Amino acid sequence: MKFVAKIVDNKLEIKNASKEPVFVTAVYVKFRVYVKSEELIGVEAIRNLTEEYDINRIITDNFYIPIPYKDVAEVQIKYRKNNEIELEKIEL
């Protein structure tokens, strides 16, 4: 399969670039979250936070997921193909 992902406002847009409908079961989004260091004053650290979004529907074109953070490092799309579960990784 081929998926394309991009950030649009406060949403993650995922496009099904293939010609056939796909049953997407879940989307995993890895965010880069900036937090202040408790040990070093004035220093921010980057934490990776992964959230899972259950989709469980057939996707034919684009779909959108509201996201809490705009800094997305990676998106993984879990989908069903020929009765097997596949996982596609997209780095942003």
PDB file of N, CA and C in Angstrom:
ATOM      1  N   MET A   1       0.848  -1.177   0.000  1.00  0.00           N
ATOM      2  CA  MET A   1       0.000   0.000   0.000  1.00  0.00           C
ATOM      3  C   MET A   1       0.886   1.230   0.000  1.00  0.00           C
ATOM      4  N   LYS A   2       0.278   2.319  -0.294  1.00  0.00           N
ATOM      5  CA  LYS A   2       1.011   3.578  -0.281  1.00  0.00           C
ATOM      6  C   LYS A   2       0.141   4.633   0.377  1.00  0.00           C
ATOM      7  N   PHE A   3       0.623   5.160   1.481  1.00  0.00           N
ATOM      8  CA  PHE A   3      -0.065   6.227   2.187  1.00  0.00           C
ATOM      9  C   PHE A   3       0.833   7.458   2.207  1.00  0.00           C
ATOM     10  N   VAL A   4       0.209   8.624   2.239  1.00  0.00           N
ATOM     11  CA  VAL A   4       0.924   9.888   2.348  1.00  0.00           C
ATOM     12  C   VAL A   4       0.325  10.627   3.540  1.00  0.00           C
ATOM     13  N   ALA A   5       1.189  11.184   4.395  1.00  0.00           N
ATOM     14  CA  ALA A   5       0.708  11.898   5.580  1.00  0.00           C
ATOM     15  C   ALA A   5       1.287  13.299   5.622  1.00  0.00           C
ATOM     16  N   LYS A   6       0.465  14.249   6.088  1.00  0.00           N
ATOM     17  CA  LYS A   6       0.950  15.613   6.302  1.00  0.00           C
ATOM     18  C   LYS A   6       0.092  16.282   7.369  1.00  0.00           C
ATOM     19  N   ILE A   7       0.644  17.334   7.955  1.00  0.00           N
ATOM     20  CA  ILE A   7      -0.054  18.083   8.993  1.00  0.00           C
ATOM     21  C   ILE A   7      -0.805  19.240   8.332  1.00  0.00           C
ATOM     22  N   VAL A   8      -2.104  19.345   8.636  1.00  0.00           N
ATOM     23  CA  VAL A   8      -2.942  20.440   8.148  1.00  0.00           C
ATOM     24  C   VAL A   8      -3.630  21.037   9.374  1.00  0.00           C
ATOM     25  N   ASP A   9      -3.227  22.261   9.747  1.00  0.00           N
ATOM     26  CA  ASP A   9      -3.720  22.923  10.962  1.00  0.00           C
ATOM     27  C   ASP A   9      -3.461  22.021  12.166  1.00  0.00           C
ATOM     28  N   ASN A  10      -4.501  21.651  12.906  1.00  0.00           N
ATOM     29  CA  ASN A  10      -4.343  20.766  14.065  1.00  0.00           C
ATOM     30  C   ASN A  10      -4.810  19.353  13.749  1.00  0.00           C
ATOM     31  N   LYS A  11      -4.654  18.953  12.491  1.00  0.00           N
ATOM     32  CA  LYS A  11      -5.083  17.618  12.071  1.00  0.00           C
ATOM     33  C   LYS A  11      -3.971  16.936  11.300  1.00  0.00           C
ATOM     34  N   LEU A  12      -3.975  15.628  11.386  1.00  0.00           N
ATOM     35  CA  LEU A  12      -3.083  14.810  10.573  1.00  0.00           C
ATOM     36  C   LEU A  12      -3.908  14.304   9.399  1.00  0.00           C
ATOM     37  N   GLU A  13      -3.502  14.665   8.192  1.00  0.00           N
ATOM     38  CA  GLU A  13      -4.194  14.201   6.991  1.00  0.00           C
ATOM     39  C   GLU A  13      -3.450  12.986   6.456  1.00  0.00           C
ATOM     40  N   ILE A  14      -4.172  11.904   6.260  1.00  0.00           N
ATOM     41  CA  ILE A  14      -3.591  10.692   5.690  1.00  0.00           C
ATOM     42  C   ILE A  14      -4.333  10.386   4.406  1.00  0.00           C
ATOM     43  N   LYS A  15      -3.570  10.233   3.342  1.00  0.00           N
ATOM     44  CA  LYS A  15      -4.155   9.989   2.027  1.00  0.00           C
ATOM     45  C   LYS A  15      -3.836   8.568   1.592  1.00  0.00           C
ATOM     46  N   ASN A  16      -4.857   7.877   1.124  1.00  0.00           N
ATOM     47  CA  ASN A  16      -4.685   6.563   0.514  1.00  0.00           C
ATOM     48  C   ASN A  16      -4.330   6.808  -0.945  1.00  0.00           C
ATOM     49  N   ALA A  17      -3.064   6.624  -1.291  1.00  0.00           N
ATOM     50  CA  ALA A  17      -2.601   6.912  -2.650  1.00  0.00           C
ATOM     51  C   ALA A  17      -2.768   5.720  -3.591  1.00  0.00           C
ATOM     52  N   SER A  18      -3.253   4.606  -3.075  1.00  0.00           N
ATOM     53  CA  SER A  18      -3.464   3.442  -3.942  1.00  0.00           C
ATOM     54  C   SER A  18      -4.822   3.556  -4.630  1.00  0.00           C
ATOM     55  N   LYS A  19      -5.046   2.742  -5.610  1.00  0.00           N
ATOM     56  CA  LYS A  19      -6.297   2.776  -6.379  1.00  0.00           C
ATOM     57  C   LYS A  19      -7.420   1.988  -5.710  1.00  0.00           C
ATOM     58  N   GLU A  20      -7.078   1.200  -4.695  1.00  0.00           N
ATOM     59  CA  GLU A  20      -8.079   0.327  -4.081  1.00  0.00           C
ATOM     60  C   GLU A  20      -8.387   0.756  -2.647  1.00  0.00           C
ATOM     61  N   PRO A  21      -9.605   0.494  -2.163  1.00  0.00           N
ATOM     62  CA  PRO A  21      -9.953   0.795  -0.776  1.00  0.00           C
ATOM     63  C   PRO A  21      -9.130  -0.064   0.188  1.00  0.00           C
ATOM     64  N   VAL A  22      -8.843   0.493   1.355  1.00  0.00           N
ATOM     65  CA  VAL A  22      -8.019  -0.194   2.346  1.00  0.00           C
ATOM     66  C   VAL A  22      -8.741  -0.147   3.685  1.00  0.00           C
ATOM     67  N   PHE A  23      -8.766  -1.291   4.387  1.00  0.00           N
ATOM     68  CA  PHE A  23      -9.341  -1.325   5.728  1.00  0.00           C
ATOM     69  C   PHE A  23      -8.237  -0.989   6.723  1.00  0.00           C
ATOM     70  N   VAL A  24      -8.299   0.219   7.270  1.00  0.00           N
ATOM     71  CA  VAL A  24      -7.296   0.676   8.234  1.00  0.00           C
ATOM     72  C   VAL A  24      -7.803   0.360   9.634  1.00  0.00           C
ATOM     73  N   THR A  25      -6.984  -0.335  10.417  1.00  0.00           N
ATOM     74  CA  THR A  25      -7.391  -0.694  11.776  1.00  0.00           C
ATOM     75  C   THR A  25      -6.937   0.329  12.808  1.00  0.00           C
ATOM     76  N   ALA A  26      -5.716   0.867  12.643  1.00  0.00           N
ATOM     77  CA  ALA A  26      -5.202   1.825  13.627  1.00  0.00           C
ATOM     78  C   ALA A  26      -4.121   2.698  13.007  1.00  0.00           C
ATOM     79  N   VAL A  27      -3.911   3.844  13.635  1.00  0.00           N
ATOM     80  CA  VAL A  27      -2.824   4.745  13.251  1.00  0.00           C
ATOM     81  C   VAL A  27      -2.054   5.081  14.525  1.00  0.00           C
ATOM     82  N   TYR A  28      -0.740   4.936  14.462  1.00  0.00           N
ATOM     83  CA  TYR A  28       0.138   5.270  15.580  1.00  0.00           C
ATOM     84  C   TYR A  28       0.918   6.523  15.197  1.00  0.00           C
ATOM     85  N   VAL A  29       0.845   7.537  16.043  1.00  0.00           N
ATOM     86  CA  VAL A  29       1.517   8.804  15.760  1.00  0.00           C
ATOM     87  C   VAL A  29       2.550   9.056  16.852  1.00  0.00           C
ATOM     88  N   LYS A  30       3.804   9.254  16.425  1.00  0.00           N
ATOM     89  CA  LYS A  30       4.875   9.574  17.367  1.00  0.00           C
ATOM     90  C   LYS A  30       5.126  11.078  17.305  1.00  0.00           C
ATOM     91  N   PHE A  31       4.898  11.736  18.444  1.00  0.00           N
ATOM     92  CA  PHE A  31       5.088  13.179  18.559  1.00  0.00           C
ATOM     93  C   PHE A  31       6.426  13.486  19.220  1.00  0.00           C
ATOM     94  N   ARG A  32       7.006  14.634  18.847  1.00  0.00           N
ATOM     95  CA  ARG A  32       8.154  15.185  19.570  1.00  0.00           C
ATOM     96  C   ARG A  32       7.588  16.267  20.486  1.00  0.00           C
ATOM     97  N   VAL A  33       7.708  16.046  21.783  1.00  0.00           N
ATOM     98  CA  VAL A  33       7.178  16.981  22.767  1.00  0.00           C
ATOM     99  C   VAL A  33       8.361  17.620  23.492  1.00  0.00           C
ATOM    100  N   TYR A  34       8.355  18.935  23.580  1.00  0.00           N
ATOM    101  CA  TYR A  34       9.440  19.667  24.230  1.00  0.00           C
ATOM    102  C   TYR A  34       9.048  19.941  25.677  1.00  0.00           C
ATOM    103  N   VAL A  35       9.880  19.491  26.608  1.00  0.00           N
ATOM    104  CA  VAL A  35       9.614  19.677  28.034  1.00  0.00           C
ATOM    105  C   VAL A  35      10.813  20.372  28.672  1.00  0.00           C
ATOM    106  N   LYS A  36      10.534  21.144  29.708  1.00  0.00           N
ATOM    107  CA  LYS A  36      11.613  21.837  30.413  1.00  0.00           C
ATOM    108  C   LYS A  36      12.320  20.854  31.339  1.00  0.00           C
ATOM    109  N   SER A  37      13.617  20.943  31.366  1.00  0.00           N
ATOM    110  CA  SER A  37      14.416  20.084  32.225  1.00  0.00           C
ATOM    111  C   SER A  37      14.268  20.538  33.673  1.00  0.00           C
ATOM    112  N   GLU A  38      14.060  19.581  34.575  1.00  0.00           N
ATOM    113  CA  GLU A  38      13.974  19.907  35.996  1.00  0.00           C
ATOM    114  C   GLU A  38      15.371  20.078  36.587  1.00  0.00           C
ATOM    115  N   GLU A  39      16.361  19.460  35.955  1.00  0.00           N
ATOM    116  CA  GLU A  39      17.718  19.500  36.487  1.00  0.00           C
ATOM    117  C   GLU A  39      18.502  20.702  35.978  1.00  0.00           C
ATOM    118  N   LEU A  40      18.279  21.079  34.718  1.00  0.00           N
ATOM    119  CA  LEU A  40      19.023  22.179  34.117  1.00  0.00           C
ATOM    120  C   LEU A  40      18.074  23.331  33.810  1.00  0.00           C
ATOM    121  N   ILE A  41      18.289  24.455  34.432  1.00  0.00           N
ATOM    122  CA  ILE A  41      17.411  25.613  34.257  1.00  0.00           C
ATOM    123  C   ILE A  41      17.605  26.196  32.858  1.00  0.00           C
ATOM    124  N   GLY A  42      16.498  26.463  32.184  1.00  0.00           N
ATOM    125  CA  GLY A  42      16.543  27.064  30.859  1.00  0.00           C
ATOM    126  C   GLY A  42      16.799  26.085  29.727  1.00  0.00           C
ATOM    127  N   VAL A  43      16.796  24.801  30.020  1.00  0.00           N
ATOM    128  CA  VAL A  43      17.068  23.784  28.996  1.00  0.00           C
ATOM    129  C   VAL A  43      15.790  22.999  28.727  1.00  0.00           C
ATOM    130  N   GLU A  44      15.510  22.781  27.445  1.00  0.00           N
ATOM    131  CA  GLU A  44      14.365  21.954  27.067  1.00  0.00           C
ATOM    132  C   GLU A  44      14.860  20.610  26.550  1.00  0.00           C
ATOM    133  N   ALA A  45      14.110  19.585  26.856  1.00  0.00           N
ATOM    134  CA  ALA A  45      14.428  18.245  26.367  1.00  0.00           C
ATOM    135  C   ALA A  45      13.319  17.797  25.426  1.00  0.00           C
ATOM    136  N   ILE A  46      13.669  16.918  24.510  1.00  0.00           N
ATOM    137  CA  ILE A  46      12.677  16.377  23.580  1.00  0.00           C
ATOM    138  C   ILE A  46      12.275  14.990  24.066  1.00  0.00           C
ATOM    139  N   ARG A  47      10.995  14.788  24.211  1.00  0.00           N
ATOM    140  CA  ARG A  47      10.452  13.480  24.585  1.00  0.00           C
ATOM    141  C   ARG A  47       9.615  12.975  23.424  1.00  0.00           C
ATOM    142  N   ASN A  48       9.707  11.699  23.163  1.00  0.00           N
ATOM    143  CA  ASN A  48       8.843  11.087  22.152  1.00  0.00           C
ATOM    144  C   ASN A  48       7.613  10.527  22.842  1.00  0.00           C
ATOM    145  N   LEU A  49       6.468  10.859  22.312  1.00  0.00           N
ATOM    146  CA  LEU A  49       5.193  10.401  22.852  1.00  0.00           C
ATOM    147  C   LEU A  49       4.414   9.766  21.712  1.00  0.00           C
ATOM    148  N   THR A  50       4.012   8.512  21.875  1.00  0.00           N
ATOM    149  CA  THR A  50       3.262   7.814  20.832  1.00  0.00           C
ATOM    150  C   THR A  50       1.815   7.641  21.276  1.00  0.00           C
ATOM    151  N   GLU A  51       0.900   8.014  20.391  1.00  0.00           N
ATOM    152  CA  GLU A  51      -0.524   7.825  20.659  1.00  0.00           C
ATOM    153  C   GLU A  51      -1.121   6.931  19.587  1.00  0.00           C
ATOM    154  N   GLU A  52      -2.061   6.093  20.007  1.00  0.00           N
ATOM    155  CA  GLU A  52      -2.743   5.180  19.083  1.00  0.00           C
ATOM    156  C   GLU A  52      -4.157   5.688  18.839  1.00  0.00           C
ATOM    157  N   TYR A  53      -4.547   5.687  17.568  1.00  0.00           N
ATOM    158  CA  TYR A  53      -5.893   6.084  17.174  1.00  0.00           C
ATOM    159  C   TYR A  53      -6.543   4.897  16.474  1.00  0.00           C
ATOM    160  N   ASP A  54      -7.639   4.397  17.039  1.00  0.00           N
ATOM    161  CA  ASP A  54      -8.374   3.296  16.415  1.00  0.00           C
ATOM    162  C   ASP A  54      -9.212   3.853  15.270  1.00  0.00           C
ATOM    163  N   ILE A  55      -9.092   3.247  14.099  1.00  0.00           N
ATOM    164  CA  ILE A  55      -9.822   3.712  12.920  1.00  0.00           C
ATOM    165  C   ILE A  55     -10.923   2.712  12.557  1.00  0.00           C
ATOM    166  N   ASN A  56     -10.540   1.476  12.251  1.00  0.00           N
ATOM    167  CA  ASN A  56     -11.472   0.385  11.954  1.00  0.00           C
ATOM    168  C   ASN A  56     -12.540   0.743  10.917  1.00  0.00           C
ATOM    169  N   ARG A  57     -12.068   1.220   9.763  1.00  0.00           N
ATOM    170  CA  ARG A  57     -12.991   1.486   8.656  1.00  0.00           C
ATOM    171  C   ARG A  57     -12.242   1.439   7.327  1.00  0.00           C
ATOM    172  N   ILE A  58     -13.013   1.345   6.272  1.00  0.00           N
ATOM    173  CA  ILE A  58     -12.438   1.301   4.926  1.00  0.00           C
ATOM    174  C   ILE A  58     -12.133   2.729   4.489  1.00  0.00           C
ATOM    175  N   ILE A  59     -10.917   2.923   4.005  1.00  0.00           N
ATOM    176  CA  ILE A  59     -10.466   4.238   3.560  1.00  0.00           C
ATOM    177  C   ILE A  59     -10.289   4.192   2.048  1.00  0.00           C
ATOM    178  N   THR A  60     -10.939   5.111   1.356  1.00  0.00           N
ATOM    179  CA  THR A  60     -10.817   5.162  -0.102  1.00  0.00           C
ATOM    180  C   THR A  60     -10.002   6.365  -0.571  1.00  0.00           C
ATOM    181  N   ASP A  61      -9.980   7.437   0.202  1.00  0.00           N
ATOM    182  CA  ASP A  61      -9.277   8.648  -0.226  1.00  0.00           C
ATOM    183  C   ASP A  61      -8.504   9.226   0.956  1.00  0.00           C
ATOM    184  N   ASN A  62      -8.917  10.373   1.462  1.00  0.00           N
ATOM    185  CA  ASN A  62      -8.248  11.026   2.589  1.00  0.00           C
ATOM    186  C   ASN A  62      -9.060  10.836   3.859  1.00  0.00           C
ATOM    187  N   PHE A  63      -8.361  10.839   4.999  1.00  0.00           N
ATOM    188  CA  PHE A  63      -9.050  10.949   6.271  1.00  0.00           C
ATOM    189  C   PHE A  63      -8.191  11.774   7.209  1.00  0.00           C
ATOM    190  N   TYR A  64      -8.843  12.354   8.213  1.00  0.00           N
ATOM    191  CA  TYR A  64      -8.183  13.294   9.107  1.00  0.00           C
ATOM    192  C   TYR A  64      -8.302  12.817  10.544  1.00  0.00           C
ATOM    193  N   ILE A  65      -7.243  13.065  11.321  1.00  0.00           N
ATOM    194  CA  ILE A  65      -7.233  12.746  12.741  1.00  0.00           C
ATOM    195  C   ILE A  65      -6.847  14.023  13.487  1.00  0.00           C
ATOM    196  N   PRO A  66      -7.684  14.500  14.418  1.00  0.00           N
ATOM    197  CA  PRO A  66      -7.277  15.649  15.232  1.00  0.00           C
ATOM    198  C   PRO A  66      -6.106  15.242  16.133  1.00  0.00           C
ATOM    199  N   ILE A  67      -5.074  16.079  16.196  1.00  0.00           N
ATOM    200  CA  ILE A  67      -3.892  15.733  16.987  1.00  0.00           C
ATOM    201  C   ILE A  67      -3.590  16.847  17.994  1.00  0.00           C
ATOM    202  N   PRO A  68      -3.048  16.482  19.168  1.00  0.00           N
ATOM    203  CA  PRO A  68      -2.781  17.483  20.204  1.00  0.00           C
ATOM    204  C   PRO A  68      -1.491  18.279  19.988  1.00  0.00           C
ATOM    205  N   TYR A  69      -0.544  17.749  19.212  1.00  0.00           N
ATOM    206  CA  TYR A  69       0.741  18.412  18.980  1.00  0.00           C
ATOM    207  C   TYR A  69       1.019  18.459  17.480  1.00  0.00           C
ATOM    208  N   LYS A  70       1.688  19.531  17.029  1.00  0.00           N
ATOM    209  CA  LYS A  70       1.969  19.661  15.598  1.00  0.00           C
ATOM    210  C   LYS A  70       3.291  19.033  15.184  1.00  0.00           C
ATOM    211  N   ASP A  71       4.188  18.799  16.127  1.00  0.00           N
ATOM    212  CA  ASP A  71       5.511  18.268  15.786  1.00  0.00           C
ATOM    213  C   ASP A  71       5.444  16.739  15.745  1.00  0.00           C
ATOM    214  N   VAL A  72       5.174  16.205  14.570  1.00  0.00           N
ATOM    215  CA  VAL A  72       5.027  14.758  14.377  1.00  0.00           C
ATOM    216  C   VAL A  72       6.313  14.210  13.784  1.00  0.00           C
ATOM    217  N   ALA A  73       6.858  13.178  14.413  1.00  0.00           N
ATOM    218  CA  ALA A  73       8.093  12.558  13.934  1.00  0.00           C
ATOM    219  C   ALA A  73       7.803  11.410  12.980  1.00  0.00           C
ATOM    220  N   GLU A  74       6.761  10.639  13.293  1.00  0.00           N
ATOM    221  CA  GLU A  74       6.522   9.409  12.535  1.00  0.00           C
ATOM    222  C   GLU A  74       5.052   9.010  12.628  1.00  0.00           C
ATOM    223  N   VAL A  75       4.566   8.405  11.566  1.00  0.00           N
ATOM    224  CA  VAL A  75       3.206   7.872  11.525  1.00  0.00           C
ATOM    225  C   VAL A  75       3.299   6.423  11.067  1.00  0.00           C
ATOM    226  N   GLN A  76       2.617   5.525  11.782  1.00  0.00           N
ATOM    227  CA  GLN A  76       2.527   4.130  11.356  1.00  0.00           C
ATOM    228  C   GLN A  76       1.060   3.801  11.147  1.00  0.00           C
ATOM    229  N   ILE A  77       0.774   3.211   9.999  1.00  0.00           N
ATOM    230  CA  ILE A  77      -0.602   2.870   9.644  1.00  0.00           C
ATOM    231  C   ILE A  77      -0.727   1.359   9.608  1.00  0.00           C
ATOM    232  N   LYS A  78      -1.632   0.854  10.416  1.00  0.00           N
ATOM    233  CA  LYS A  78      -1.880  -0.590  10.485  1.00  0.00           C
ATOM    234  C   LYS A  78      -3.138  -0.872   9.679  1.00  0.00           C
ATOM    235  N   TYR A  79      -3.016  -1.765   8.700  1.00  0.00           N
ATOM    236  CA  TYR A  79      -4.147  -2.040   7.815  1.00  0.00           C
ATOM    237  C   TYR A  79      -4.194  -3.522   7.474  1.00  0.00           C
ATOM    238  N   ARG A  80      -5.333  -3.921   6.935  1.00  0.00           N
ATOM    239  CA  ARG A  80      -5.541  -5.319   6.567  1.00  0.00           C
ATOM    240  C   ARG A  80      -5.406  -5.452   5.059  1.00  0.00           C
ATOM    241  N   LYS A  81      -4.597  -6.431   4.636  1.00  0.00           N
ATOM    242  CA  LYS A  81      -4.412  -6.710   3.213  1.00  0.00           C
ATOM    243  C   LYS A  81      -4.431  -8.222   3.031  1.00  0.00           C
ATOM    244  N   ASN A  82      -5.366  -8.708   2.231  1.00  0.00           N
ATOM    245  CA  ASN A  82      -5.503 -10.154   1.977  1.00  0.00           C
ATOM    246  C   ASN A  82      -5.560 -10.951   3.276  1.00  0.00           C
ATOM    247  N   ASN A  83      -6.380 -10.498   4.205  1.00  0.00           N
ATOM    248  CA  ASN A  83      -6.581 -11.145   5.505  1.00  0.00           C
ATOM    249  C   ASN A  83      -5.323 -11.204   6.362  1.00  0.00           C
ATOM    250  N   GLU A  84      -4.345 -10.377   6.073  1.00  0.00           N
ATOM    251  CA  GLU A  84      -3.154 -10.271   6.910  1.00  0.00           C
ATOM    252  C   GLU A  84      -3.004  -8.818   7.344  1.00  0.00           C
ATOM    253  N   ILE A  85      -2.446  -8.631   8.518  1.00  0.00           N
ATOM    254  CA  ILE A  85      -2.227  -7.285   9.033  1.00  0.00           C
ATOM    255  C   ILE A  85      -0.861  -6.785   8.576  1.00  0.00           C
ATOM    256  N   GLU A  86      -0.847  -5.597   7.990  1.00  0.00           N
ATOM    257  CA  GLU A  86       0.389  -4.963   7.515  1.00  0.00           C
ATOM    258  C   GLU A  86       0.586  -3.660   8.293  1.00  0.00           C
ATOM    259  N   LEU A  87       1.827  -3.197   8.335  1.00  0.00           N
ATOM    260  CA  LEU A  87       2.150  -1.945   9.009  1.00  0.00           C
ATOM    261  C   LEU A  87       3.030  -1.113   8.092  1.00  0.00           C
ATOM    262  N   GLU A  88       2.593   0.097   7.788  1.00  0.00           N
ATOM    263  CA  GLU A  88       3.384   0.990   6.936  1.00  0.00           C
ATOM    264  C   GLU A  88       3.854   2.177   7.765  1.00  0.00           C
ATOM    265  N   LYS A  89       5.135   2.481   7.650  1.00  0.00           N
ATOM    266  CA  LYS A  89       5.752   3.553   8.426  1.00  0.00           C
ATOM    267  C   LYS A  89       6.036   4.750   7.518  1.00  0.00           C
ATOM    268  N   ILE A  90       5.661   5.950   7.991  1.00  0.00           N
ATOM    269  CA  ILE A  90       5.896   7.192   7.257  1.00  0.00           C
ATOM    270  C   ILE A  90       6.630   8.142   8.196  1.00  0.00           C
ATOM    271  N   GLU A  91       7.790   8.613   7.796  1.00  0.00           N
ATOM    272  CA  GLU A  91       8.515   9.598   8.597  1.00  0.00           C
ATOM    273  C   GLU A  91       8.229  10.987   8.054  1.00  0.00           C
ATOM    274  N   LEU A  92       7.953  11.918   8.954  1.00  0.00           N
ATOM    275  CA  LEU A  92       7.657  13.297   8.538  1.00  0.00           C
ATOM    276  C   LEU A  92       8.813  14.208   8.876  1.00  0.00           C
TER     277      LEU A  92
END
